[in-house]
Amino acid sequence: MKRYLKTILKFCVTAALFVYIILSNDFLQVWEFFIQISLSTWVIVLFLLVFGVIIATVRLSLFFKNLSFYTLMHIRLLSVAYGFILPGQAAEEGVKAYLLGKEGKDYGQSGAAVMLDKLVGVIAVLLLGLVGVLCTRALGLGILVVFIVACILLIALALSINISVLYTKASKLILWLSKKMKKLRKLFAFVLGVLDNWRTFAKNKRLLVFNIVYGLLYQLSILLTGALLTHDLGAGFILMDWLWIHAVITIVLILPLSLGGLGVREVSMIGLLGLVGVAPEQALAVSFGFLALMLLQAIVGIGMEVGMTLRRTKTYDNRDSEGE
């Protein structure tokens, strides 16, 4: 019951934010700005989207040597589709971990991989955001300090599991809890599996370095997309400002505030792009551009899922007919 209440609450938040956006902005002007985006810009943006999807899949392949590239891409795109009906990116990552665990038969591995991949991705975003904060005049010294502290804490978290004392104590605590609460034994076994895999991944310096490099390339594809869209709408090629704007929006969207981040993304874009002189209607047009790209990924993911389901069904039917 509580689960449904939370979903209803997040739906209400999404609806309230959209009502606020509709009432406080001229949607005819937003549409005019949106259709102003040129075909050449959309072609480049779609190229960046494909590049980003490939890079994101390559990052996953670092953790899952036993799964094909196609399978990893399918799961990654399908999780985007789930993201439209789930609250926040954290829920979307949870679905991705479940699908990877189901496919790879190891939920501990998938949980650790998705968590570490997300953590490294957020670190990459914050590092780029730190560069943006240093280059912009729109923000003060306090924001710079926040970015520096956040980067240090997240890097420390990613590497802390390598410390044998912490790992040993955490493992003993989980095993003790497992014995005391036998009904939750499967849950604690999963947590222990995540911990073991996390430690294995975190000790692999080559994996972490490649993940960070690929993470930076992925984030740059998104930053270039934002800069191109704002430039096409007459707001300028504000790439350096997009560094910190994207970082803030990424952190906000992780929080389970609304379904699929809808409403939260738009309000954030209006507020943050407004700090660098972008009009609210232009910011909304950019936000809807990103939304359209997400929808495209979701549609492709659903299409791949339908295709795989049909192939499985056809294979089972053929086996049945051969058995007869």
Protein backbone atom coordinates (compact mmCIF):
# COMPACT_ATOMS: atom_id res chain seq x y z
CA MET A 1 0.00 0.00 0.00
CA LYS A 2 2.83 2.40 0.90
CA ARG A 3 4.47 1.64 -2.44
CA TYR A 4 1.35 2.74 -4.34
CA LEU A 5 1.05 5.86 -2.19
CA LYS A 6 4.64 6.82 -3.04
CA THR A 7 3.93 6.33 -6.75
CA ILE A 8 0.76 8.41 -6.51
CA LEU A 9 2.68 11.13 -4.63
CA LYS A 10 5.38 11.25 -7.32
CA PHE A 11 2.68 11.37 -10.02
CA CYS A 12 1.15 14.34 -8.19
CA VAL A 13 4.56 16.05 -8.03
CA THR A 14 5.04 15.47 -11.78
CA ALA A 15 1.56 16.81 -12.58
CA ALA A 16 1.98 19.83 -10.27
CA LEU A 17 5.31 20.75 -11.86
CA PHE A 18 3.87 20.50 -15.36
CA VAL A 19 0.85 22.62 -14.40
CA TYR A 20 3.26 25.22 -13.01
CA ILE A 21 5.36 25.11 -16.20
CA ILE A 22 2.28 25.42 -18.45
CA LEU A 23 0.82 28.34 -16.50
CA SER A 24 4.09 30.27 -16.22
CA ASN A 25 5.33 29.92 -19.82
CA ASP A 26 4.13 30.65 -23.34
CA PHE A 27 3.91 27.17 -24.89
CA LEU A 28 3.26 28.54 -28.39
CA GLN A 29 6.63 30.27 -28.18
CA VAL A 30 8.21 27.10 -26.80
CA TRP A 31 6.90 25.19 -29.83
CA GLU A 32 8.20 27.90 -32.17
CA PHE A 33 11.64 27.59 -30.58
CA PHE A 34 11.51 23.79 -30.78
CA ILE A 35 10.72 23.68 -34.51
CA GLN A 36 13.43 26.28 -35.03
CA ILE A 37 16.04 23.59 -34.39
CA SER A 38 17.55 22.86 -37.80
CA LEU A 39 17.69 19.48 -39.51
CA SER A 40 21.50 19.59 -39.58
CA THR A 41 21.57 20.08 -35.80
CA TRP A 42 19.22 17.12 -35.29
CA VAL A 43 21.47 14.97 -37.50
CA ILE A 44 24.54 15.87 -35.41
CA VAL A 45 22.57 15.38 -32.19
CA LEU A 46 21.39 11.93 -33.33
CA PHE A 47 24.99 11.03 -34.18
CA LEU A 48 26.01 12.11 -30.66
CA LEU A 49 23.13 10.04 -29.25
CA VAL A 50 24.28 6.89 -31.08
CA PHE A 51 27.85 7.59 -29.99
CA GLY A 52 26.71 7.99 -26.38
CA VAL A 53 24.69 4.76 -26.43
CA ILE A 54 27.67 2.84 -27.84
CA ILE A 55 30.02 4.31 -25.23
CA ALA A 56 27.56 3.52 -22.42
CA THR A 57 27.33 -0.08 -23.67
CA VAL A 58 31.10 -0.38 -23.88
CA ARG A 59 31.28 0.75 -20.24
CA LEU A 60 28.91 -2.06 -19.25
CA SER A 61 30.92 -4.57 -21.27
CA LEU A 62 33.92 -3.87 -19.01
CA PHE A 63 31.99 -5.55 -16.18
CA PHE A 64 30.14 -8.26 -18.16
CA LYS A 65 32.53 -10.25 -20.33
CA ASN A 66 29.99 -13.09 -20.58
CA LEU A 67 27.22 -11.00 -22.19
CA SER A 68 27.10 -9.94 -25.84
CA PHE A 69 27.31 -6.31 -26.88
CA TYR A 70 23.80 -6.52 -28.36
CA THR A 71 22.36 -7.86 -25.10
CA LEU A 72 24.01 -5.11 -23.07
CA MET A 73 22.76 -2.43 -25.45
CA HIS A 74 19.26 -3.92 -25.35
CA ILE A 75 19.20 -3.86 -21.53
CA ARG A 76 20.61 -0.35 -21.40
CA LEU A 77 17.95 1.02 -23.79
CA LEU A 78 15.15 -0.96 -22.17
CA SER A 79 16.05 0.51 -18.77
CA VAL A 80 15.57 3.97 -20.30
CA ALA A 81 12.02 2.92 -21.21
CA TYR A 82 11.40 1.81 -17.61
CA GLY A 83 12.81 5.15 -16.50
CA PHE A 84 9.72 6.91 -17.87
CA ILE A 85 7.43 5.16 -15.38
CA LEU A 86 9.80 4.95 -12.40
CA PRO A 87 10.78 7.70 -9.95
CA GLY A 88 14.30 9.02 -10.47
CA GLN A 89 17.39 7.61 -12.16
CA ALA A 90 18.11 5.48 -9.08
CA ALA A 91 15.03 3.36 -9.87
CA GLU A 92 16.09 3.13 -13.52
CA GLU A 93 19.52 1.86 -12.43
CA GLY A 94 17.78 -0.68 -10.19
CA VAL A 95 15.88 -2.07 -13.19
CA LYS A 96 19.11 -2.21 -15.18
CA ALA A 97 20.80 -4.17 -12.39
CA TYR A 98 17.86 -6.60 -12.23
CA LEU A 99 17.83 -7.18 -16.00
CA LEU A 100 21.60 -7.68 -16.11
CA GLY A 101 21.46 -10.05 -13.14
CA LYS A 102 18.66 -12.03 -14.75
CA GLU A 103 20.57 -12.32 -18.02
CA GLY A 104 23.97 -13.01 -16.44
CA LYS A 105 22.62 -15.25 -13.62
CA ASP A 106 24.54 -13.23 -11.00
CA TYR A 107 22.65 -10.45 -9.22
CA GLY A 108 25.60 -9.66 -6.96
CA GLN A 109 27.77 -8.95 -10.00
CA SER A 110 25.09 -6.85 -11.72
CA GLY A 111 24.31 -4.87 -8.56
CA ALA A 112 27.97 -4.03 -7.95
CA ALA A 113 28.62 -3.25 -11.62
CA VAL A 114 25.66 -0.89 -12.00
CA MET A 115 26.39 0.87 -8.69
CA LEU A 116 30.08 1.34 -9.48
CA ASP A 117 29.33 2.34 -13.07
CA LYS A 118 26.86 4.96 -11.85
CA LEU A 119 29.25 6.20 -9.19
CA VAL A 120 32.08 6.57 -11.69
CA GLY A 121 29.67 8.31 -14.08
CA VAL A 122 28.66 10.80 -11.39
CA ILE A 123 32.34 11.41 -10.57
CA ALA A 124 32.98 12.12 -14.27
CA VAL A 125 30.02 14.54 -14.32
CA LEU A 126 31.26 16.34 -11.21
CA LEU A 127 34.81 16.61 -12.54
CA LEU A 128 33.51 18.21 -15.72
CA GLY A 129 31.19 20.35 -13.62
CA LEU A 130 34.18 21.48 -11.56
CA VAL A 131 35.86 22.71 -14.73
CA GLY A 132 32.64 24.51 -15.68
CA VAL A 133 32.36 26.19 -12.27
CA LEU A 134 35.95 27.44 -12.58
CA CYS A 135 35.18 28.95 -15.99
CA THR A 136 31.78 30.55 -15.32
CA ARG A 137 30.89 33.85 -13.69
CA ALA A 138 27.34 32.77 -12.91
CA LEU A 139 28.25 30.92 -9.71
CA GLY A 140 30.10 31.82 -6.52
CA LEU A 141 32.96 30.33 -4.51
CA GLY A 142 30.57 28.29 -2.34
CA ILE A 143 29.41 26.17 -5.29
CA LEU A 144 33.05 25.54 -6.25
CA VAL A 145 33.77 24.20 -2.74
CA VAL A 146 30.68 21.95 -2.92
CA PHE A 147 31.87 20.46 -6.23
CA ILE A 148 35.39 19.83 -4.88
CA VAL A 149 34.15 18.17 -1.68
CA ALA A 150 31.62 16.03 -3.60
CA CYS A 151 34.32 14.79 -6.00
CA ILE A 152 36.68 13.88 -3.14
CA LEU A 153 33.95 12.04 -1.20
CA LEU A 154 32.75 10.04 -4.19
CA ILE A 155 36.27 9.02 -5.25
CA ALA A 156 36.99 7.98 -1.65
CA LEU A 157 33.76 5.93 -1.63
CA ALA A 158 34.67 4.16 -4.89
CA LEU A 159 38.08 3.14 -3.53
CA SER A 160 37.25 2.59 0.15
CA ILE A 161 36.03 -0.97 -0.39
CA ASN A 162 39.64 -1.92 -1.17
CA ILE A 163 40.56 -1.29 2.45
CA SER A 164 40.74 -4.79 3.92
CA VAL A 165 39.70 -3.73 7.43
CA LEU A 166 36.47 -2.11 6.19
CA TYR A 167 35.68 -5.03 3.89
CA THR A 168 36.28 -7.63 6.61
CA LYS A 169 34.16 -5.81 9.17
CA ALA A 170 31.34 -5.23 6.69
CA SER A 171 31.37 -8.90 5.64
CA LYS A 172 31.29 -10.10 9.27
CA LEU A 173 28.41 -7.76 10.05
CA ILE A 174 26.39 -9.00 7.06
CA LEU A 175 27.01 -12.66 7.99
CA TRP A 176 26.01 -11.96 11.61
CA LEU A 177 22.81 -10.24 10.50
CA SER A 178 22.09 -13.15 8.15
CA LYS A 179 22.23 -15.59 11.06
CA LYS A 180 20.07 -13.40 13.29
CA MET A 181 17.44 -12.66 10.63
CA LYS A 182 17.06 -15.91 8.72
CA LYS A 183 14.01 -14.71 6.78
CA LEU A 184 16.22 -12.08 5.13
CA ARG A 185 19.05 -14.49 4.38
CA LYS A 186 18.65 -14.14 0.59
CA LEU A 187 18.80 -10.35 0.87
CA PHE A 188 22.00 -10.49 2.94
CA ALA A 189 23.48 -13.00 0.50
CA PHE A 190 22.78 -10.53 -2.31
CA VAL A 191 24.38 -7.68 -0.33
CA LEU A 192 27.45 -9.83 0.36
CA GLY A 193 27.65 -10.70 -3.34
CA VAL A 194 27.50 -7.00 -4.24
CA LEU A 195 30.23 -6.27 -1.69
CA ASP A 196 32.52 -9.04 -3.02
CA ASN A 197 32.05 -8.00 -6.63
CA TRP A 198 32.44 -4.30 -5.78
CA ARG A 199 35.78 -5.05 -4.14
CA THR A 200 36.91 -7.09 -7.15
CA PHE A 201 35.94 -4.33 -9.58
CA ALA A 202 37.42 -1.55 -7.39
CA LYS A 203 40.78 -3.38 -7.23
CA ASN A 204 40.92 -3.48 -11.04
CA LYS A 205 42.62 -0.13 -11.72
CA ARG A 206 42.57 -0.69 -15.49
CA LEU A 207 38.79 -1.18 -15.42
CA LEU A 208 38.28 1.98 -13.35
CA VAL A 209 40.52 4.10 -15.58
CA PHE A 210 38.78 2.93 -18.76
CA ASN A 211 35.38 3.42 -17.12
CA ILE A 212 36.26 7.01 -16.18
CA VAL A 213 37.58 7.76 -19.69
CA TYR A 214 34.48 6.29 -21.33
CA GLY A 215 32.34 8.08 -18.75
CA LEU A 216 33.91 11.42 -19.69
CA LEU A 217 33.33 10.72 -23.39
CA TYR A 218 29.68 9.82 -22.68
CA GLN A 219 29.11 13.00 -20.68
CA LEU A 220 30.80 15.10 -23.39
CA SER A 221 28.31 13.74 -25.95
CA ILE A 222 25.47 15.00 -23.75
CA LEU A 223 27.18 18.35 -23.15
CA LEU A 224 27.72 18.89 -26.88
CA THR A 225 24.05 18.04 -27.47
CA GLY A 226 22.94 20.69 -24.99
CA ALA A 227 25.37 23.28 -26.37
CA LEU A 228 24.23 22.64 -29.96
CA LEU A 229 20.53 22.90 -29.05
CA THR A 230 20.96 26.16 -27.14
CA HIS A 231 23.12 27.56 -29.95
CA ASP A 232 20.48 26.72 -32.55
CA LEU A 233 17.88 28.57 -30.48
CA GLY A 234 19.97 31.73 -30.42
CA ALA A 235 21.23 31.38 -26.83
CA GLY A 236 24.88 30.86 -27.80
CA PHE A 237 27.28 27.90 -27.74
CA ILE A 238 27.56 27.85 -23.93
CA LEU A 239 29.56 24.61 -23.64
CA MET A 240 31.51 25.62 -20.51
CA ASP A 241 28.31 26.55 -18.71
CA TRP A 242 26.74 23.25 -19.76
CA LEU A 243 29.52 21.50 -17.83
CA TRP A 244 28.15 22.58 -14.46
CA ILE A 245 24.49 22.80 -15.55
CA HIS A 246 24.50 19.15 -16.65
CA ALA A 247 26.24 18.14 -13.40
CA VAL A 248 23.55 19.77 -11.26
CA ILE A 249 20.70 18.33 -13.35
CA THR A 250 22.24 14.83 -13.20
CA ILE A 251 22.37 14.93 -9.38
CA VAL A 252 18.81 16.26 -9.17
CA LEU A 253 17.45 13.56 -11.48
CA ILE A 254 18.98 10.79 -9.36
CA LEU A 255 16.59 11.76 -6.56
CA PRO A 256 13.17 10.01 -6.68
CA LEU A 257 11.16 13.23 -6.92
CA SER A 258 8.92 12.54 -9.92
CA LEU A 259 8.12 9.85 -12.50
CA GLY A 260 10.88 9.68 -15.07
CA GLY A 261 12.25 13.00 -13.82
CA LEU A 262 9.46 14.73 -15.76
CA GLY A 263 8.81 18.23 -14.51
CA VAL A 264 11.96 18.23 -12.40
CA ARG A 265 14.15 18.28 -15.52
CA GLU A 266 12.15 21.13 -17.07
CA VAL A 267 12.10 23.29 -13.92
CA SER A 268 15.83 22.67 -13.39
CA MET A 269 16.64 23.66 -16.98
CA ILE A 270 14.59 26.85 -16.72
CA GLY A 271 16.32 27.85 -13.48
CA LEU A 272 19.89 26.86 -14.37
CA LEU A 273 19.92 28.05 -17.99
CA GLY A 274 18.24 31.23 -16.79
CA LEU A 275 21.40 31.99 -14.77
CA VAL A 276 23.37 32.29 -18.02
CA GLY A 277 20.75 34.36 -19.86
CA VAL A 278 18.65 31.71 -21.60
CA ALA A 279 14.93 32.58 -21.75
CA PRO A 280 12.49 30.14 -20.05
CA GLU A 281 10.82 29.23 -23.35
CA GLN A 282 14.23 28.49 -24.92
CA ALA A 283 15.21 26.37 -21.91
CA LEU A 284 11.95 24.40 -22.19
CA ALA A 285 12.56 23.80 -25.90
CA VAL A 286 16.03 22.42 -25.05
CA SER A 287 14.52 20.25 -22.29
CA PHE A 288 11.91 18.85 -24.70
CA GLY A 289 14.73 18.15 -27.15
CA PHE A 290 16.42 15.96 -24.54
CA LEU A 291 13.06 14.36 -23.75
CA ALA A 292 12.59 13.50 -27.43
CA LEU A 293 16.02 11.83 -27.50
CA MET A 294 15.14 9.80 -24.40
CA LEU A 295 11.85 8.74 -25.99
CA LEU A 296 13.72 7.60 -29.08
CA GLN A 297 16.02 5.44 -26.94
CA ALA A 298 13.04 4.00 -25.08
CA ILE A 299 11.24 3.15 -28.32
CA VAL A 300 14.33 1.41 -29.71
CA GLY A 301 14.73 -0.49 -26.42
CA ILE A 302 11.11 -1.65 -26.48
CA GLY A 303 11.48 -2.61 -30.15
CA MET A 304 14.55 -4.71 -29.33
CA GLU A 305 12.65 -6.37 -26.46
CA VAL A 306 9.70 -7.21 -28.73
CA GLY A 307 12.08 -8.57 -31.37
CA MET A 308 13.91 -10.77 -28.85
CA THR A 309 10.60 -12.02 -27.40
CA LEU A 310 9.32 -12.96 -30.86
CA ARG A 311 12.57 -14.79 -31.65
CA ARG A 312 12.38 -16.73 -28.38
CA THR A 313 8.74 -17.64 -29.05
CA LYS A 314 9.61 -18.79 -32.58
CA THR A 315 12.51 -20.88 -31.23
CA TYR A 316 10.27 -22.56 -28.63
CA ASP A 317 7.60 -23.25 -31.28
CA ASN A 318 10.20 -24.84 -33.57
CA ARG A 319 11.47 -27.03 -30.72
CA ASP A 320 7.90 -28.11 -29.90
CA SER A 321 7.18 -28.97 -33.52
CA GLU A 322 10.42 -30.97 -33.78
CA GLY A 323 9.51 -32.80 -30.56
CA GLU A 324 6.18 -33.82 -32.00
